[in-house]
Amino acid sequence: MIETSLSRAPAVRERVLYDARAVVDACAAEPLAADFGQVRAVLRTEPGVYSGSASIEGVFLEAETGRFIDRSGASADLAEHSVIIRYEGSYEILAVLFGPANILSGQYSWTEPISAYTRGINPADIYNPFGRPGVVICSYYPRESGTPFDHQRLIPEDWHAHAADSRVSQEPDAPTARNWLTSPNDLLFAHAARTLAQAGQLEPQLLESARAQAHGYRRAVLHFVTLTSGQRPEGTDALDVDLASHDEPDHRRAAALGLLSARLFAPEAAARAVTGWPSTSRPGGLLDPALVAGDSYIREAFTLLTPGSAP
């Protein structure tokens, strides 16, 4: 087995959710075409202890009485105040992809109202790298007084070294994408896998060739794109094979992570892909002790897959 950061990842829920979003964001990232009118960078965040927490704007808890009061000291009616989320912490620029960035570290602080999302998946609800630590590719506005970051893509924490070499001017054609599947650049690999799967050109032979060389997050990417695009090869079930692979714990984590990413971010496609699987409560189901034994990372991923387990 090739040792990867996935095989060494802490077996805690926060890290599993980080990895689930990172797999999806790495696949979804648009080509990093140079636009020197803005700054595009890779940064690492270190949120403050209360970053990402909700509060009620203009309302305070009076320690002596336990009453909610406003700034004047009068009792506050919570229904008359909006709920906000505060983000604050520090950041460090790991790489400048393009643009004039003279400020390479600093503090961030802003608030956002809690929005009601009625359609689709909001990635920040799964894992927000400004509420919890993360490595992000984003547009960066160092002198912006409000939110200084935009177009955020969370990536596996050690993939940032490949960002500068993943700048391309347009979506790859099929021959280019096939070449990227063998590239040492992880971001180009993820982009190629997504592009070919969406175009229906990730043929079984090509997929098996890519999987034979893929470990860690790369293997999770392949499980994610096949589960969400209907490209699972006939006659095999690579997901089942990896989950049952006690000789390759890295493969088992990758399968669990790819399945979780698909379930969280493309639930309808994932449900179609796994139709007929045993339920979680039956032998062979996701929480079968034979599948989760010995690896709390896999157990956390499968617990998040069960109904009622919110991130």
C-alpha atoms as a PDB file:
ATOM      1  CA  MET A   1       0.000   0.000   0.000  1.00  0.00           C
ATOM      2  CA  ILE A   2       1.204   3.510  -0.782  1.00  0.00           C
ATOM      3  CA  GLU A   3       1.063   5.609   2.379  1.00  0.00           C
ATOM      4  CA  THR A   4      -1.148   8.667   1.879  1.00  0.00           C
ATOM      5  CA  SER A   5      -2.603  11.424   4.000  1.00  0.00           C
ATOM      6  CA  LEU A   6      -5.968   9.653   3.820  1.00  0.00           C
ATOM      7  CA  SER A   7      -4.533   6.559   5.471  1.00  0.00           C
ATOM      8  CA  ARG A   8      -3.140   8.798   8.225  1.00  0.00           C
ATOM      9  CA  ALA A   9      -6.218  11.017   8.595  1.00  0.00           C
ATOM     10  CA  PRO A  10      -7.552  11.394  12.159  1.00  0.00           C
ATOM     11  CA  ALA A  11     -10.590   9.178  12.681  1.00  0.00           C
ATOM     12  CA  VAL A  12     -12.876  11.968  13.869  1.00  0.00           C
ATOM     13  CA  ARG A  13     -16.142  13.264  12.415  1.00  0.00           C
ATOM     14  CA  GLU A  14     -14.776  16.726  11.630  1.00  0.00           C
ATOM     15  CA  ARG A  15     -11.997  15.272   9.489  1.00  0.00           C
ATOM     16  CA  VAL A  16     -14.338  12.871   7.694  1.00  0.00           C
ATOM     17  CA  LEU A  17     -16.637  15.767   6.770  1.00  0.00           C
ATOM     18  CA  TYR A  18     -13.631  17.832   5.649  1.00  0.00           C
ATOM     19  CA  ASP A  19     -12.524  15.008   3.374  1.00  0.00           C
ATOM     20  CA  ALA A  20     -16.024  14.504   1.950  1.00  0.00           C
ATOM     21  CA  ARG A  21     -16.270  18.120   0.830  1.00  0.00           C
ATOM     22  CA  ALA A  22     -12.637  18.194  -0.337  1.00  0.00           C
ATOM     23  CA  VAL A  23     -13.204  15.254  -2.697  1.00  0.00           C
ATOM     24  CA  VAL A  24     -16.237  16.955  -4.233  1.00  0.00           C
ATOM     25  CA  ASP A  25     -14.625  20.393  -4.482  1.00  0.00           C
ATOM     26  CA  ALA A  26     -11.477  18.981  -6.084  1.00  0.00           C
ATOM     27  CA  CYS A  27     -13.615  17.313  -8.753  1.00  0.00           C
ATOM     28  CA  ALA A  28     -15.807  20.357  -9.297  1.00  0.00           C
ATOM     29  CA  ALA A  29     -13.047  22.964  -9.490  1.00  0.00           C
ATOM     30  CA  GLU A  30     -13.023  24.933 -12.708  1.00  0.00           C
ATOM     31  CA  PRO A  31      -9.787  25.299 -14.685  1.00  0.00           C
ATOM     32  CA  LEU A  32      -7.500  27.830 -13.026  1.00  0.00           C
ATOM     33  CA  ALA A  33      -7.155  30.160 -16.000  1.00  0.00           C
ATOM     34  CA  ALA A  34      -4.922  33.103 -15.146  1.00  0.00           C
ATOM     35  CA  ASP A  35      -6.724  36.380 -14.551  1.00  0.00           C
ATOM     36  CA  PHE A  36      -4.168  38.866 -13.321  1.00  0.00           C
ATOM     37  CA  GLY A  37      -6.885  41.376 -12.501  1.00  0.00           C
ATOM     38  CA  GLN A  38      -7.618  39.416  -9.319  1.00  0.00           C
ATOM     39  CA  VAL A  39      -5.658  37.328  -6.860  1.00  0.00           C
ATOM     40  CA  ARG A  40      -6.154  33.566  -6.840  1.00  0.00           C
ATOM     41  CA  ALA A  41      -4.391  31.793  -4.012  1.00  0.00           C
ATOM     42  CA  VAL A  42      -4.150  28.714  -1.853  1.00  0.00           C
ATOM     43  CA  LEU A  43      -4.464  29.457   1.839  1.00  0.00           C
ATOM     44  CA  ARG A  44      -4.627  27.658   5.144  1.00  0.00           C
ATOM     45  CA  THR A  45      -7.152  28.855   7.724  1.00  0.00           C
ATOM     46  CA  GLU A  46      -6.936  28.825  11.507  1.00  0.00           C
ATOM     47  CA  PRO A  47     -10.400  29.807  12.775  1.00  0.00           C
ATOM     48  CA  GLY A  48     -10.917  31.316  16.208  1.00  0.00           C
ATOM     49  CA  VAL A  49     -12.529  29.273  18.937  1.00  0.00           C
ATOM     50  CA  TYR A  50     -16.024  30.711  18.285  1.00  0.00           C
ATOM     51  CA  SER A  51     -15.772  30.932  14.503  1.00  0.00           C
ATOM     52  CA  GLY A  52     -18.748  29.344  12.799  1.00  0.00           C
ATOM     53  CA  SER A  53     -20.969  29.698  15.850  1.00  0.00           C
ATOM     54  CA  ALA A  54     -24.412  31.240  15.712  1.00  0.00           C
ATOM     55  CA  SER A  55     -25.503  34.229  17.736  1.00  0.00           C
ATOM     56  CA  ILE A  56     -28.393  36.673  17.822  1.00  0.00           C
ATOM     57  CA  GLU A  57     -27.423  40.095  16.577  1.00  0.00           C
ATOM     58  CA  GLY A  58     -27.671  42.794  19.225  1.00  0.00           C
ATOM     59  CA  VAL A  59     -28.688  40.370  22.004  1.00  0.00           C
ATOM     60  CA  PHE A  60     -26.600  39.455  25.029  1.00  0.00           C
ATOM     61  CA  LEU A  61     -27.003  37.008  27.878  1.00  0.00           C
ATOM     62  CA  GLU A  62     -26.892  38.795  31.241  1.00  0.00           C
ATOM     63  CA  ALA A  63     -24.736  36.570  33.448  1.00  0.00           C
ATOM     64  CA  GLU A  64     -26.253  37.706  36.732  1.00  0.00           C
ATOM     65  CA  THR A  65     -29.891  37.068  35.828  1.00  0.00           C
ATOM     66  CA  GLY A  66     -29.775  34.731  32.810  1.00  0.00           C
ATOM     67  CA  ARG A  67     -31.976  37.221  30.884  1.00  0.00           C
ATOM     68  CA  PHE A  68     -31.484  38.083  27.237  1.00  0.00           C
ATOM     69  CA  ILE A  69     -30.995  41.831  26.958  1.00  0.00           C
ATOM     70  CA  ASP A  70     -30.301  44.334  24.169  1.00  0.00           C
ATOM     71  CA  ARG A  71     -27.595  46.987  24.105  1.00  0.00           C
ATOM     72  CA  SER A  72     -29.685  49.306  26.272  1.00  0.00           C
ATOM     73  CA  GLY A  73     -30.011  46.667  28.992  1.00  0.00           C
ATOM     74  CA  ALA A  74     -33.723  46.079  28.353  1.00  0.00           C
ATOM     75  CA  SER A  75     -35.138  42.588  28.022  1.00  0.00           C
ATOM     76  CA  ALA A  76     -34.842  41.403  24.430  1.00  0.00           C
ATOM     77  CA  ASP A  77     -37.491  39.575  22.414  1.00  0.00           C
ATOM     78  CA  LEU A  78     -35.512  36.957  20.471  1.00  0.00           C
ATOM     79  CA  ALA A  79     -38.151  36.786  17.752  1.00  0.00           C
ATOM     80  CA  GLU A  80     -37.382  40.374  16.780  1.00  0.00           C
ATOM     81  CA  HIS A  81     -33.686  39.756  16.125  1.00  0.00           C
ATOM     82  CA  SER A  82     -31.926  37.937  13.308  1.00  0.00           C
ATOM     83  CA  VAL A  83     -29.618  34.988  13.852  1.00  0.00           C
ATOM     84  CA  ILE A  84     -26.108  35.439  12.472  1.00  0.00           C
ATOM     85  CA  ILE A  85     -22.992  33.314  12.123  1.00  0.00           C
ATOM     86  CA  ARG A  86     -19.641  34.846  12.984  1.00  0.00           C
ATOM     87  CA  TYR A  87     -16.435  33.908  11.196  1.00  0.00           C
ATOM     88  CA  GLU A  88     -13.110  35.006  12.585  1.00  0.00           C
ATOM     89  CA  GLY A  89      -9.573  33.718  12.620  1.00  0.00           C
ATOM     90  CA  SER A  90      -6.269  33.925  10.801  1.00  0.00           C
ATOM     91  CA  TYR A  91      -4.997  32.739   7.439  1.00  0.00           C
ATOM     92  CA  GLU A  92      -1.680  32.030   5.749  1.00  0.00           C
ATOM     93  CA  ILE A  93      -1.136  32.112   1.988  1.00  0.00           C
ATOM     94  CA  LEU A  94       0.539  28.869   0.904  1.00  0.00           C
ATOM     95  CA  ALA A  95       0.784  29.732  -2.789  1.00  0.00           C
ATOM     96  CA  VAL A  96      -0.181  32.635  -5.051  1.00  0.00           C
ATOM     97  CA  LEU A  97      -1.536  31.208  -8.295  1.00  0.00           C
ATOM     98  CA  PHE A  98      -1.811  34.534 -10.089  1.00  0.00           C
ATOM     99  CA  GLY A  99      -2.326  38.203  -9.368  1.00  0.00           C
ATOM    100  CA  PRO A 100      -0.491  40.760  -7.227  1.00  0.00           C
ATOM    101  CA  ALA A 101      -0.604  39.457  -3.661  1.00  0.00           C
ATOM    102  CA  ASN A 102       1.540  41.500  -1.288  1.00  0.00           C
ATOM    103  CA  ILE A 103      -0.283  40.460   1.893  1.00  0.00           C
ATOM    104  CA  LEU A 104       0.475  36.801   2.631  1.00  0.00           C
ATOM    105  CA  SER A 105      -1.138  36.395   6.037  1.00  0.00           C
ATOM    106  CA  GLY A 106      -3.663  38.147   8.197  1.00  0.00           C
ATOM    107  CA  GLN A 107      -6.888  38.054  10.165  1.00  0.00           C
ATOM    108  CA  TYR A 108     -10.448  37.661   8.938  1.00  0.00           C
ATOM    109  CA  SER A 109     -13.700  38.623  10.616  1.00  0.00           C
ATOM    110  CA  TRP A 110     -17.229  38.899   9.249  1.00  0.00           C
ATOM    111  CA  THR A 111     -20.805  37.866  10.019  1.00  0.00           C
ATOM    112  CA  GLU A 112     -23.461  36.311   7.813  1.00  0.00           C
ATOM    113  CA  PRO A 113     -27.194  35.839   8.338  1.00  0.00           C
ATOM    114  CA  ILE A 114     -28.380  32.264   8.510  1.00  0.00           C
ATOM    115  CA  SER A 115     -30.032  31.647   5.162  1.00  0.00           C
ATOM    116  CA  ALA A 116     -32.822  29.215   4.429  1.00  0.00           C
ATOM    117  CA  TYR A 117     -31.604  26.964   1.617  1.00  0.00           C
ATOM    118  CA  THR A 118     -34.539  25.352  -0.106  1.00  0.00           C
ATOM    119  CA  ARG A 119     -32.791  23.696  -3.049  1.00  0.00           C
ATOM    120  CA  GLY A 120     -29.476  21.965  -3.544  1.00  0.00           C
ATOM    121  CA  ILE A 121     -26.602  21.364  -1.179  1.00  0.00           C
ATOM    122  CA  ASN A 122     -24.689  24.202   0.419  1.00  0.00           C
ATOM    123  CA  PRO A 123     -21.107  22.892   0.839  1.00  0.00           C
ATOM    124  CA  ALA A 124     -20.484  25.249   3.766  1.00  0.00           C
ATOM    125  CA  ASP A 125     -23.170  23.417   5.733  1.00  0.00           C
ATOM    126  CA  ILE A 126     -21.132  20.233   5.417  1.00  0.00           C
ATOM    127  CA  TYR A 127     -17.773  21.802   6.201  1.00  0.00           C
ATOM    128  CA  ASN A 128     -16.848  25.478   6.269  1.00  0.00           C
ATOM    129  CA  PRO A 129     -13.080  26.112   6.182  1.00  0.00           C
ATOM    130  CA  PHE A 130     -13.519  29.508   7.814  1.00  0.00           C
ATOM    131  CA  GLY A 131     -15.397  27.994  10.728  1.00  0.00           C
ATOM    132  CA  ARG A 132     -13.013  25.015  11.005  1.00  0.00           C
ATOM    133  CA  PRO A 133      -9.423  24.640   9.763  1.00  0.00           C
ATOM    134  CA  GLY A 134      -8.883  23.982   6.088  1.00  0.00           C
ATOM    135  CA  VAL A 135      -6.787  24.376   2.932  1.00  0.00           C
ATOM    136  CA  VAL A 136      -8.663  26.361   0.289  1.00  0.00           C
ATOM    137  CA  ILE A 137      -8.183  27.542  -3.274  1.00  0.00           C
ATOM    138  CA  CYS A 138     -10.040  30.821  -3.582  1.00  0.00           C
ATOM    139  CA  SER A 139     -10.165  34.321  -4.978  1.00  0.00           C
ATOM    140  CA  TYR A 140      -8.497  36.604  -2.466  1.00  0.00           C
ATOM    141  CA  TYR A 141      -9.127  40.297  -1.937  1.00  0.00           C
ATOM    142  CA  PRO A 142      -6.497  41.298   0.642  1.00  0.00           C
ATOM    143  CA  ARG A 143      -7.766  44.859   1.076  1.00  0.00           C
ATOM    144  CA  GLU A 144     -11.459  43.997   1.153  1.00  0.00           C
ATOM    145  CA  SER A 145     -13.101  45.190   4.366  1.00  0.00           C
ATOM    146  CA  GLY A 146     -15.930  42.664   4.159  1.00  0.00           C
ATOM    147  CA  THR A 147     -15.551  39.035   3.143  1.00  0.00           C
ATOM    148  CA  PRO A 148     -12.062  38.835   1.597  1.00  0.00           C
ATOM    149  CA  PHE A 149     -12.473  35.384   0.016  1.00  0.00           C
ATOM    150  CA  ASP A 150     -14.668  34.144  -2.838  1.00  0.00           C
ATOM    151  CA  HIS A 151     -15.054  31.113  -5.136  1.00  0.00           C
ATOM    152  CA  GLN A 152     -13.813  28.795  -2.415  1.00  0.00           C
ATOM    153  CA  ARG A 153     -12.752  25.211  -3.108  1.00  0.00           C
ATOM    154  CA  LEU A 154     -11.669  23.036  -0.211  1.00  0.00           C
ATOM    155  CA  ILE A 155      -8.965  20.534  -1.193  1.00  0.00           C
ATOM    156  CA  PRO A 156      -7.207  17.628   0.540  1.00  0.00           C
ATOM    157  CA  GLU A 157      -4.669  19.262   2.759  1.00  0.00           C
ATOM    158  CA  ASP A 158      -1.525  18.102   0.923  1.00  0.00           C
ATOM    159  CA  TRP A 159      -2.811  18.779  -2.611  1.00  0.00           C
ATOM    160  CA  HIS A 160      -1.961  22.483  -2.451  1.00  0.00           C
ATOM    161  CA  ALA A 161       1.511  21.822  -3.860  1.00  0.00           C
ATOM    162  CA  HIS A 162      -0.119  20.886  -7.174  1.00  0.00           C
ATOM    163  CA  ALA A 163      -2.292  23.986  -7.516  1.00  0.00           C
ATOM    164  CA  ALA A 164       0.238  26.140  -9.369  1.00  0.00           C
ATOM    165  CA  ASP A 165       0.739  23.424 -11.995  1.00  0.00           C
ATOM    166  CA  SER A 166      -2.994  22.917 -12.523  1.00  0.00           C
ATOM    167  CA  ARG A 167      -3.590  26.275 -14.207  1.00  0.00           C
ATOM    168  CA  VAL A 168      -5.130  25.628 -17.615  1.00  0.00           C
ATOM    169  CA  SER A 169      -6.995  27.909 -19.975  1.00  0.00           C
ATOM    170  CA  GLN A 170     -10.026  25.711 -20.720  1.00  0.00           C
ATOM    171  CA  GLU A 171     -11.801  22.442 -20.055  1.00  0.00           C
ATOM    172  CA  PRO A 172      -9.731  19.494 -21.345  1.00  0.00           C
ATOM    173  CA  ASP A 173     -10.736  17.533 -24.410  1.00  0.00           C
ATOM    174  CA  ALA A 174     -11.013  13.750 -24.028  1.00  0.00           C
ATOM    175  CA  PRO A 175      -7.398  12.905 -25.043  1.00  0.00           C
ATOM    176  CA  THR A 176      -6.034  15.539 -22.651  1.00  0.00           C
ATOM    177  CA  ALA A 177      -8.240  14.302 -19.822  1.00  0.00           C
ATOM    178  CA  ARG A 178      -7.063  10.726 -20.396  1.00  0.00           C
ATOM    179  CA  ASN A 179      -3.470  11.914 -20.118  1.00  0.00           C
ATOM    180  CA  TRP A 180      -4.300  13.730 -16.884  1.00  0.00           C
ATOM    181  CA  LEU A 181      -5.476  10.438 -15.363  1.00  0.00           C
ATOM    182  CA  THR A 182      -1.826   9.394 -15.262  1.00  0.00           C
ATOM    183  CA  SER A 183      -0.521  12.807 -14.222  1.00  0.00           C
ATOM    184  CA  PRO A 184       1.287  13.156 -10.876  1.00  0.00           C
ATOM    185  CA  ASN A 185      -0.821  16.297 -10.354  1.00  0.00           C
ATOM    186  CA  ASP A 186      -3.704  15.314  -8.066  1.00  0.00           C
ATOM    187  CA  LEU A 187      -5.908  18.273  -9.025  1.00  0.00           C
ATOM    188  CA  LEU A 188      -5.589  17.542 -12.746  1.00  0.00           C
ATOM    189  CA  PHE A 189      -6.378  13.888 -12.004  1.00  0.00           C
ATOM    190  CA  ALA A 190      -9.582  14.817 -10.151  1.00  0.00           C
ATOM    191  CA  HIS A 191     -10.625  17.245 -12.885  1.00  0.00           C
ATOM    192  CA  ALA A 192     -10.021  14.626 -15.568  1.00  0.00           C
ATOM    193  CA  ALA A 193     -11.985  11.931 -13.736  1.00  0.00           C
ATOM    194  CA  ARG A 194     -14.967  14.264 -13.332  1.00  0.00           C
ATOM    195  CA  THR A 195     -14.790  15.467 -16.957  1.00  0.00           C
ATOM    196  CA  LEU A 196     -14.603  11.974 -18.465  1.00  0.00           C
ATOM    197  CA  ALA A 197     -17.313  10.567 -16.186  1.00  0.00           C
ATOM    198  CA  GLN A 198     -19.727  13.374 -16.989  1.00  0.00           C
ATOM    199  CA  ALA A 199     -19.125  12.880 -20.711  1.00  0.00           C
ATOM    200  CA  GLY A 200     -19.709   9.133 -20.428  1.00  0.00           C
ATOM    201  CA  GLN A 201     -16.126   8.493 -21.556  1.00  0.00           C
ATOM    202  CA  LEU A 202     -14.726   6.850 -18.443  1.00  0.00           C
ATOM    203  CA  GLU A 203     -14.893   3.416 -20.036  1.00  0.00           C
ATOM    204  CA  PRO A 204     -14.520   0.316 -17.823  1.00  0.00           C
ATOM    205  CA  GLN A 205     -11.029  -0.462 -19.112  1.00  0.00           C
ATOM    206  CA  LEU A 206      -9.860   3.124 -18.589  1.00  0.00           C
ATOM    207  CA  LEU A 207     -11.469   3.242 -15.143  1.00  0.00           C
ATOM    208  CA  GLU A 208      -9.842   0.010 -14.056  1.00  0.00           C
ATOM    209  CA  SER A 209      -6.471   1.209 -15.324  1.00  0.00           C
ATOM    210  CA  ALA A 210      -6.820   4.433 -13.336  1.00  0.00           C
ATOM    211  CA  ARG A 211      -8.024   2.588 -10.234  1.00  0.00           C
ATOM    212  CA  ALA A 212      -5.067   0.179 -10.360  1.00  0.00           C
ATOM    213  CA  GLN A 213      -2.752   3.153  -9.762  1.00  0.00           C
ATOM    214  CA  ALA A 214      -4.982   5.172  -7.432  1.00  0.00           C
ATOM    215  CA  HIS A 215      -4.719   5.280  -3.666  1.00  0.00           C
ATOM    216  CA  GLY A 216      -6.071   7.533  -0.951  1.00  0.00           C
ATOM    217  CA  TYR A 217      -7.975  10.581  -2.113  1.00  0.00           C
ATOM    218  CA  ARG A 218      -7.483   9.701  -5.774  1.00  0.00           C
ATOM    219  CA  ARG A 219      -9.268   6.415  -5.247  1.00  0.00           C
ATOM    220  CA  ALA A 220     -12.040   8.198  -3.336  1.00  0.00           C
ATOM    221  CA  VAL A 221     -12.406  10.561  -6.326  1.00  0.00           C
ATOM    222  CA  LEU A 222     -12.927   7.585  -8.652  1.00  0.00           C
ATOM    223  CA  HIS A 223     -15.598   6.126  -6.369  1.00  0.00           C
ATOM    224  CA  PHE A 224     -17.328   9.503  -6.153  1.00  0.00           C
ATOM    225  CA  VAL A 225     -17.436  10.169  -9.904  1.00  0.00           C
ATOM    226  CA  THR A 226     -18.602   6.666 -10.760  1.00  0.00           C
ATOM    227  CA  LEU A 227     -21.325   6.688  -8.121  1.00  0.00           C
ATOM    228  CA  THR A 228     -22.652  10.050  -9.298  1.00  0.00           C
ATOM    229  CA  SER A 229     -22.434   9.514 -13.061  1.00  0.00           C
ATOM    230  CA  GLY A 230     -23.654   5.961 -13.587  1.00  0.00           C
ATOM    231  CA  GLN A 231     -20.237   4.846 -14.842  1.00  0.00           C
ATOM    232  CA  ARG A 232     -19.800   1.835 -12.573  1.00  0.00           C
ATOM    233  CA  PRO A 233     -18.404  -0.955 -14.779  1.00  0.00           C
ATOM    234  CA  GLU A 234     -20.619  -3.929 -15.529  1.00  0.00           C
ATOM    235  CA  GLY A 235     -19.650  -7.233 -13.999  1.00  0.00           C
ATOM    236  CA  THR A 236     -17.739  -5.779 -11.062  1.00  0.00           C
ATOM    237  CA  ASP A 237     -18.540  -3.806  -7.978  1.00  0.00           C
ATOM    238  CA  ALA A 238     -15.363  -1.964  -7.121  1.00  0.00           C
ATOM    239  CA  LEU A 239     -17.009  -0.294  -4.149  1.00  0.00           C
ATOM    240  CA  ASP A 240     -17.874  -3.634  -2.559  1.00  0.00           C
ATOM    241  CA  VAL A 241     -14.431  -5.013  -3.357  1.00  0.00           C
ATOM    242  CA  ASP A 242     -12.683  -2.075  -1.691  1.00  0.00           C
ATOM    243  CA  LEU A 243     -14.930  -2.132   1.358  1.00  0.00           C
ATOM    244  CA  ALA A 244     -14.194  -5.814   1.853  1.00  0.00           C
ATOM    245  CA  SER A 245     -10.441  -5.379   1.354  1.00  0.00           C
ATOM    246  CA  HIS A 246      -8.950  -5.986   4.790  1.00  0.00           C
ATOM    247  CA  ASP A 247      -5.494  -6.199   3.210  1.00  0.00           C
ATOM    248  CA  GLU A 248      -5.787  -2.616   1.913  1.00  0.00           C
ATOM    249  CA  PRO A 249      -7.159  -0.361   4.677  1.00  0.00           C
ATOM    250  CA  ASP A 250      -6.369   2.663   2.504  1.00  0.00           C
ATOM    251  CA  HIS A 251      -8.768   1.323  -0.158  1.00  0.00           C
ATOM    252  CA  ARG A 252     -11.478   0.747   2.446  1.00  0.00           C
ATOM    253  CA  ARG A 253     -11.240   4.356   3.619  1.00  0.00           C
ATOM    254  CA  ALA A 254     -11.314   5.599   0.034  1.00  0.00           C
ATOM    255  CA  ALA A 255     -14.471   3.607  -0.703  1.00  0.00           C
ATOM    256  CA  ALA A 256     -16.220   4.817   2.448  1.00  0.00           C
ATOM    257  CA  LEU A 257     -15.208   8.404   1.691  1.00  0.00           C
ATOM    258  CA  GLY A 258     -16.287   8.263  -1.963  1.00  0.00           C
ATOM    259  CA  LEU A 259     -19.659   6.850  -0.942  1.00  0.00           C
ATOM    260  CA  LEU A 260     -20.144   9.506   1.747  1.00  0.00           C
ATOM    261  CA  SER A 261     -19.229  12.313  -0.667  1.00  0.00           C
ATOM    262  CA  ALA A 262     -21.761  11.022  -3.176  1.00  0.00           C
ATOM    263  CA  ARG A 263     -24.460  10.590  -0.528  1.00  0.00           C
ATOM    264  CA  LEU A 264     -24.007  14.102   0.890  1.00  0.00           C
ATOM    265  CA  PHE A 265     -23.576  16.067  -2.333  1.00  0.00           C
ATOM    266  CA  ALA A 266     -25.458  14.013  -4.940  1.00  0.00           C
ATOM    267  CA  PRO A 267     -27.984  12.012  -2.910  1.00  0.00           C
ATOM    268  CA  GLU A 268     -30.323  11.096  -5.776  1.00  0.00           C
ATOM    269  CA  ALA A 269     -27.553   9.783  -8.013  1.00  0.00           C
ATOM    270  CA  ALA A 270     -25.955   7.934  -5.113  1.00  0.00           C
ATOM    271  CA  ALA A 271     -29.273   6.312  -4.194  1.00  0.00           C
ATOM    272  CA  ARG A 272     -29.721   5.056  -7.756  1.00  0.00           C
ATOM    273  CA  ALA A 273     -26.178   3.700  -7.822  1.00  0.00           C
ATOM    274  CA  VAL A 274     -26.546   1.617  -4.664  1.00  0.00           C
ATOM    275  CA  THR A 275     -30.097   0.350  -5.254  1.00  0.00           C
ATOM    276  CA  GLY A 276     -30.366  -3.151  -3.871  1.00  0.00           C
ATOM    277  CA  TRP A 277     -27.661  -2.837  -1.259  1.00  0.00           C
ATOM    278  CA  PRO A 278     -28.437  -4.432   2.126  1.00  0.00           C
ATOM    279  CA  SER A 279     -29.962  -2.016   4.610  1.00  0.00           C
ATOM    280  CA  THR A 280     -27.761  -0.742   7.410  1.00  0.00           C
ATOM    281  CA  SER A 281     -29.466  -3.025   9.907  1.00  0.00           C
ATOM    282  CA  ARG A 282     -28.795  -6.288   8.021  1.00  0.00           C
ATOM    283  CA  PRO A 283     -25.611  -8.353   7.649  1.00  0.00           C
ATOM    284  CA  GLY A 284     -23.593  -6.848   4.808  1.00  0.00           C
ATOM    285  CA  GLY A 285     -25.111  -3.422   5.420  1.00  0.00           C
ATOM    286  CA  LEU A 286     -22.962  -0.357   5.928  1.00  0.00           C
ATOM    287  CA  LEU A 287     -22.689  -0.769   9.691  1.00  0.00           C
ATOM    288  CA  ASP A 288     -21.951  -4.483   9.576  1.00  0.00           C
ATOM    289  CA  PRO A 289     -19.128  -4.991  12.113  1.00  0.00           C
ATOM    290  CA  ALA A 290     -17.211  -6.897   9.440  1.00  0.00           C
ATOM    291  CA  LEU A 291     -16.987  -3.700   7.378  1.00  0.00           C
ATOM    292  CA  VAL A 292     -16.215  -1.140  10.077  1.00  0.00           C
ATOM    293  CA  ALA A 293     -14.088  -3.262  12.412  1.00  0.00           C
ATOM    294  CA  GLY A 294     -10.792  -1.720  13.382  1.00  0.00           C
ATOM    295  CA  ASP A 295     -11.131   1.678  11.698  1.00  0.00           C
ATOM    296  CA  SER A 296     -13.027   4.481  13.389  1.00  0.00           C
ATOM    297  CA  TYR A 297     -12.679   6.655  10.262  1.00  0.00           C
ATOM    298  CA  ILE A 298     -14.837   4.188   8.328  1.00  0.00           C
ATOM    299  CA  ARG A 299     -17.237   3.915  11.250  1.00  0.00           C
ATOM    300  CA  GLU A 300     -17.655   7.707  11.319  1.00  0.00           C
ATOM    301  CA  ALA A 301     -18.275   7.794   7.565  1.00  0.00           C
ATOM    302  CA  PHE A 302     -20.904   5.060   7.723  1.00  0.00           C
ATOM    303  CA  THR A 303     -22.578   6.584  10.765  1.00  0.00           C
ATOM    304  CA  LEU A 304     -22.979   9.800   8.742  1.00  0.00           C
ATOM    305  CA  LEU A 305     -24.562   7.717   5.979  1.00  0.00           C
ATOM    306  CA  THR A 306     -27.331   6.397   8.221  1.00  0.00           C
ATOM    307  CA  PRO A 307     -30.703   8.220   8.269  1.00  0.00           C
ATOM    308  CA  GLY A 308     -30.922  10.993  10.825  1.00  0.00           C
ATOM    309  CA  SER A 309     -27.166  11.486  11.182  1.00  0.00           C
ATOM    310  CA  ALA A 310     -26.717  15.174  10.407  1.00  0.00           C
ATOM    311  CA  PRO A 311     -23.234  16.596   9.751  1.00  0.00           C
END
